[in-house]
Structures are given as C-alpha cells and as structure tokens.
Amino acid sequence: MMTAEEKRAEKAKALRYKKPIVTGLTLEAIKDRLYEMQGECYDVQYAIDGDDGDEILSAMLGDEEEAYQFKMAFSDLSAECERFREDLEDWEWQDYLGEYYDLFMVNGNVADEFGGLAGWDSFEGDYFGLQDGYIEGYALKEAHEKLKKALTKDKILDMFRLCMKVFTQYVGITYRYDCLKASMDILRQKNSEHLKSVKALNQIYDQADRETRGFQFCWNSQAYDKLASIIDAMPREAFL
C-alpha cells in the first residue's frame, strides 16, 4: 500500500504536463547560453591577445590582419550577446514576455530540436522530460488552452511577434557562434598538427646530425635521407 508521500509524488508526476516547457528554449536557458557564449568569446579574445596569440597566428600562417578580424568577430558577437540579454530583461518587464513565452514555444513545434518537452514536478521541485507521446499531447493542449484563456486575439498576435523575434534572434546568434567556434577549433587543430610536425622534424634532424657527425658524412644515413625527402616535399612558404 502506498504511503501518503508516495501518493503525492505520483500525483505530481501525473500532473507534470500542466506546466510544460521546451527544455533548451526557455528564457532562462537562452540567457544562460548567451552568458556562456559571451564568456567563451572573451576567452578567444584573451587567447589572441595573450600567450596563445603566437600559436593562433602560426596557424594562420602569420597573418596578423586575419587574426585581428577573427578577434573582432568574436568581440562583435560578445557585444551582441550582451545587448540581447539586456533586451530580454527589458521585454520581460515591459511586455510580460516571461509570463507567456514558454507557453508559446511549447506550441511552436520546435521541441525536438531544443531538448524536447519537460514538465514541472511540484513534489520534486524540478522539471522532468515528457517522454510519452500522449503526455506530450496533453502538454500541448494545456499550453494552448492557457494562452486562449489569458490573452485576447490581439494580444496573442503581439506576443507571437515578440516570441518569434526572440526565437529568430537566438537562433541567428547561436548559428554565428557555432560557425566561429568551428573555425577556431579548426585553427587549434591545425596548429596542434603543425607543432607535432615540427617536433617530429626536429627529432629526425637531431638523429641525422648524430649519424652524420654534424652533417659531415651524409652518404650512409637513413635519417639524413628521410630529412632530405621531407625538406624537398615542403612548400616554399615553410622557409619564409
């Protein structure tokens, strides 16, 4: 037989659909992600200006102008994240965005791309995923009915416009960030491979130096032959 506490837990679980959200698209989730992106943009700016700057320049073949443009792209994105966060705070207060946004996005048919639907469990004091298709249907209907009861048709249209503005701006910023981060990751990988190649080349050079006694007797050294073939295959840019 279930205890009173277990009954309360089961009831709360059954009613999670009453307060649904799209997990990765709530206003809090957006603001948290904007803050994270802003911090990561700052880290890149700091890396280019700091000790990692030479390594990044090396990956760009020493192009200082390209490195500067790369830095400014992250700087601009950081500033845009800050403006967007401030706008969200303003919209929440003036237009009551925070009261209806999450319900609108539940009805936006975008849950699968942003972590799925979740519902509030009053017993656990947290949100949990709504995995069952039937429960998701109840959550959609609940959000729909709450919006119809709370807002006039004109207000629904106004809130829809504002919610879409938030959604499209957020998607645009995250897309820009993902592209810049992918470029940065490629540069770091390129630089890592470059450093590995330099280290391997140095090892072959040292071995050839030993085998040829300071490159005096080069005719019977496998290391020297390997070093020579590597040098012949290197592009001219490597010697600039």
Protein backbone atom coordinates (compact mmCIF):
# COMPACT_ATOMS: atom_id res chain seq x y z
CA MET A 1 0.00 0.00 0.00
CA MET A 2 1.32 3.43 -0.97
CA THR A 3 2.20 5.95 1.70
CA ALA A 4 0.77 9.47 1.68
CA GLU A 5 4.10 10.81 0.46
CA GLU A 6 4.26 8.28 -2.37
CA LYS A 7 0.72 9.24 -3.39
CA ARG A 8 1.70 12.92 -3.52
CA ALA A 9 4.73 12.03 -5.62
CA GLU A 10 2.63 10.02 -8.08
CA LYS A 11 0.04 12.77 -8.35
CA ALA A 12 2.71 15.41 -9.02
CA LYS A 13 4.27 13.17 -11.67
CA ALA A 14 0.92 12.71 -13.40
CA LEU A 15 0.38 16.48 -13.48
CA ARG A 16 3.76 17.47 -14.93
CA TYR A 17 2.12 18.24 -18.28
CA LYS A 18 0.22 21.11 -16.62
CA LYS A 19 3.33 23.33 -16.70
CA PRO A 20 5.29 22.41 -19.84
CA ILE A 21 8.42 23.99 -21.32
CA VAL A 22 10.78 23.38 -24.22
CA THR A 23 13.88 22.34 -22.29
CA GLY A 24 16.57 24.24 -24.18
CA LEU A 25 14.47 27.20 -25.28
CA THR A 26 13.14 28.79 -22.11
CA LEU A 27 14.07 32.40 -21.39
CA GLU A 28 16.36 31.23 -18.58
CA ALA A 29 18.04 28.68 -20.84
CA ILE A 30 18.56 31.33 -23.52
CA LYS A 31 20.03 33.84 -21.05
CA ASP A 32 22.31 31.18 -19.58
CA ARG A 33 23.52 30.18 -23.05
CA LEU A 34 24.09 33.80 -24.05
CA TYR A 35 26.18 34.27 -20.92
CA GLU A 36 28.22 31.15 -21.73
CA MET A 37 28.81 32.25 -25.33
CA GLN A 38 29.83 35.70 -24.16
CA GLY A 39 32.39 34.18 -21.80
CA GLU A 40 33.74 31.89 -24.50
CA CYS A 41 34.05 34.82 -26.91
CA TYR A 42 36.05 36.68 -24.27
CA ASP A 43 38.32 33.66 -23.82
CA VAL A 44 39.14 33.71 -27.55
CA GLN A 45 39.86 37.45 -27.47
CA TYR A 46 42.13 36.91 -24.46
CA ALA A 47 43.88 33.99 -26.15
CA ILE A 48 44.69 36.06 -29.25
CA ASP A 49 45.98 38.95 -27.14
CA GLY A 50 47.77 36.69 -24.62
CA ASP A 51 50.21 33.81 -24.61
CA ASP A 52 48.25 31.79 -27.19
CA GLY A 53 48.35 34.60 -29.73
CA ASP A 54 51.54 33.47 -31.42
CA GLU A 55 50.17 29.95 -31.79
CA ILE A 56 46.98 31.24 -33.40
CA LEU A 57 48.99 33.46 -35.73
CA SER A 58 51.13 30.47 -36.59
CA ALA A 59 48.03 28.52 -37.55
CA MET A 60 47.04 31.43 -39.78
CA LEU A 61 50.48 31.43 -41.44
CA GLY A 62 51.39 34.59 -39.57
CA ASP A 63 48.56 36.70 -40.99
CA GLU A 64 48.09 39.37 -38.31
CA GLU A 65 45.25 41.04 -40.18
CA GLU A 66 43.30 37.78 -40.32
CA ALA A 67 43.92 37.22 -36.61
CA TYR A 68 42.63 40.74 -35.87
CA GLN A 69 39.49 40.18 -37.95
CA PHE A 70 38.96 36.87 -36.18
CA LYS A 71 39.26 38.59 -32.81
CA MET A 72 36.85 41.36 -33.83
CA ALA A 73 34.28 38.81 -35.00
CA PHE A 74 34.25 37.27 -31.52
CA SER A 75 34.22 40.75 -29.95
CA ASP A 76 31.17 41.79 -32.02
CA LEU A 77 29.37 38.56 -31.15
CA SER A 78 30.13 39.06 -27.46
CA ALA A 79 28.63 42.57 -27.61
CA GLU A 80 25.56 41.26 -29.43
CA CYS A 81 25.04 38.61 -26.74
CA GLU A 82 25.19 41.33 -24.10
CA ARG A 83 22.64 43.51 -25.96
CA PHE A 84 20.31 40.57 -26.45
CA ARG A 85 20.43 39.68 -22.76
CA GLU A 86 19.61 43.28 -21.86
CA ASP A 87 16.75 43.32 -24.38
CA LEU A 88 15.30 40.15 -22.87
CA GLU A 89 15.30 41.70 -19.42
CA ASP A 90 13.53 44.78 -20.82
CA TRP A 91 10.96 42.78 -22.78
CA GLU A 92 10.18 40.58 -19.80
CA TRP A 93 9.32 43.64 -17.72
CA GLN A 94 7.55 45.82 -20.26
CA ASP A 95 5.72 43.25 -22.38
CA TYR A 96 5.28 40.43 -19.86
CA LEU A 97 7.29 38.17 -22.12
CA GLY A 98 8.33 35.97 -19.21
CA GLU A 99 4.71 35.17 -18.41
CA TYR A 100 3.81 33.70 -21.80
CA TYR A 101 6.97 32.97 -23.78
CA ASP A 102 7.46 29.40 -22.55
CA LEU A 103 3.84 28.51 -23.38
CA PHE A 104 4.18 29.96 -26.88
CA MET A 105 7.31 27.92 -27.57
CA VAL A 106 5.61 24.71 -26.41
CA ASN A 107 3.15 25.37 -29.23
CA GLY A 108 5.95 26.25 -31.63
CA ASN A 109 6.63 22.70 -32.83
CA VAL A 110 10.39 23.12 -32.19
CA ALA A 111 10.80 20.98 -29.07
CA ASP A 112 12.63 18.13 -30.83
CA GLU A 113 15.41 20.49 -31.94
CA PHE A 114 15.84 22.05 -28.48
CA GLY A 115 15.93 19.24 -25.95
CA GLY A 116 12.30 18.10 -26.02
CA LEU A 117 9.37 18.93 -23.76
CA ALA A 118 9.59 18.88 -19.97
CA GLY A 119 7.04 19.40 -17.22
CA TRP A 120 7.20 20.81 -13.71
CA ASP A 121 7.02 18.28 -10.86
CA SER A 122 5.79 20.11 -7.76
CA PHE A 123 6.83 17.25 -5.48
CA GLU A 124 10.41 17.06 -6.79
CA GLY A 125 10.65 20.82 -7.32
CA ASP A 126 12.17 20.44 -10.79
CA TYR A 127 11.41 19.87 -14.47
CA PHE A 128 11.44 16.40 -15.99
CA GLY A 129 11.20 15.26 -19.59
CA LEU A 130 7.83 14.28 -21.00
CA GLN A 131 8.79 11.14 -22.89
CA ASP A 132 5.33 9.71 -23.58
CA GLY A 133 3.64 10.89 -26.78
CA TYR A 134 0.23 11.04 -25.14
CA ILE A 135 1.57 13.16 -22.26
CA GLU A 136 3.22 15.50 -24.76
CA GLY A 137 -0.18 15.87 -26.44
CA TYR A 138 -1.74 16.83 -23.13
CA ALA A 139 1.06 19.36 -22.56
CA LEU A 140 0.48 20.97 -25.94
CA LYS A 141 -3.24 21.21 -25.33
CA GLU A 142 -2.68 22.65 -21.84
CA ALA A 143 -0.37 25.36 -23.18
CA HIS A 144 -2.82 26.15 -25.94
CA GLU A 145 -5.77 26.48 -23.56
CA LYS A 146 -3.85 28.65 -21.09
CA LEU A 147 -2.93 31.11 -23.84
CA LYS A 148 -6.54 31.31 -25.10
CA LYS A 149 -7.86 31.98 -21.60
CA ALA A 150 -5.21 34.53 -20.63
CA LEU A 151 -4.89 36.62 -23.81
CA THR A 152 -7.11 38.34 -26.31
CA LYS A 153 -6.62 37.63 -30.01
CA ASP A 154 -4.77 40.89 -30.49
CA LYS A 155 -2.52 40.20 -27.52
CA ILE A 156 -1.80 36.70 -28.79
CA LEU A 157 -0.66 38.19 -32.11
CA ASP A 158 1.53 40.74 -30.31
CA MET A 159 3.10 38.09 -28.11
CA PHE A 160 3.62 35.79 -31.07
CA ARG A 161 5.53 38.56 -32.88
CA LEU A 162 7.73 39.14 -29.84
CA CYS A 163 8.33 35.43 -29.21
CA MET A 164 9.35 34.91 -32.83
CA LYS A 165 11.70 37.88 -32.54
CA VAL A 166 13.37 36.22 -29.55
CA PHE A 167 13.50 32.84 -31.27
CA THR A 168 14.94 34.04 -34.58
CA GLN A 169 17.49 36.30 -32.91
CA TYR A 170 18.63 33.49 -30.62
CA VAL A 171 18.94 31.01 -33.48
CA GLY A 172 20.91 33.57 -35.51
CA ILE A 173 23.35 34.28 -32.68
CA THR A 174 23.93 30.61 -31.88
CA TYR A 175 24.50 29.87 -35.58
CA ARG A 176 27.12 32.62 -35.82
CA TYR A 177 28.78 31.38 -32.66
CA ASP A 178 28.83 27.76 -33.86
CA CYS A 179 30.46 28.83 -37.14
CA LEU A 180 33.11 30.95 -35.39
CA LYS A 181 33.81 28.25 -32.83
CA ALA A 182 34.17 25.63 -35.57
CA SER A 183 36.70 27.90 -37.31
CA MET A 184 38.59 28.35 -34.05
CA ASP A 185 38.62 24.61 -33.40
CA ILE A 186 39.99 24.01 -36.90
CA LEU A 187 42.75 26.57 -36.28
CA ARG A 188 43.68 25.00 -32.97
CA GLN A 189 43.72 21.54 -34.55
CA LYS A 190 45.78 22.85 -37.45
CA ASN A 191 48.22 24.45 -35.02
CA SER A 192 48.42 21.25 -32.96
CA GLU A 193 49.24 19.23 -36.07
CA HIS A 194 51.79 21.86 -37.08
CA LEU A 195 53.55 21.63 -33.70
CA LYS A 196 53.58 17.83 -33.89
CA SER A 197 55.15 18.02 -37.35
CA VAL A 198 57.80 20.47 -36.14
CA LYS A 199 58.62 18.21 -33.18
CA ALA A 200 58.92 15.15 -35.43
CA LEU A 201 61.12 17.11 -37.87
CA ASN A 202 63.39 18.21 -35.04
CA GLN A 203 63.78 14.63 -33.90
CA ILE A 204 64.75 13.48 -37.39
CA TYR A 205 67.16 16.41 -37.69
CA ASP A 206 68.86 15.53 -34.39
CA GLN A 207 69.14 11.88 -35.41
CA ALA A 208 70.61 12.84 -38.80
CA ASP A 209 73.03 15.19 -37.07
CA ARG A 210 74.29 12.37 -34.86
CA GLU A 211 74.53 9.79 -37.67
CA THR A 212 76.45 12.14 -39.99
CA ARG A 213 78.63 13.67 -37.28
CA GLY A 214 77.34 17.16 -37.80
CA PHE A 215 76.36 16.54 -41.44
CA GLN A 216 79.94 15.79 -42.47
CA PHE A 217 79.28 12.24 -43.69
CA CYS A 218 75.82 12.17 -45.24
CA TRP A 219 76.10 9.26 -47.66
CA ASN A 220 75.19 6.45 -45.28
CA SER A 221 72.44 7.83 -43.03
CA GLN A 222 68.80 6.81 -43.26
CA ALA A 223 67.82 9.75 -41.05
CA TYR A 224 69.58 12.18 -43.39
CA ASP A 225 67.85 10.68 -46.44
CA LYS A 226 64.47 10.95 -44.68
CA LEU A 227 65.18 14.54 -43.65
CA ALA A 228 66.17 15.45 -47.19
CA SER A 229 63.00 13.94 -48.65
CA ILE A 230 60.84 15.84 -46.13
CA ILE A 231 62.56 19.13 -46.95
CA ASP A 232 62.16 18.56 -50.69
CA ALA A 233 58.40 17.98 -50.19
CA MET A 234 57.85 21.09 -48.04
CA PRO A 235 56.17 24.14 -49.62
CA ARG A 236 58.24 27.28 -50.10
CA GLU A 237 56.08 29.08 -47.50
CA ALA A 238 57.65 26.92 -44.82
CA PHE A 239 61.00 28.63 -45.34
CA LEU A 240 59.70 32.20 -45.16
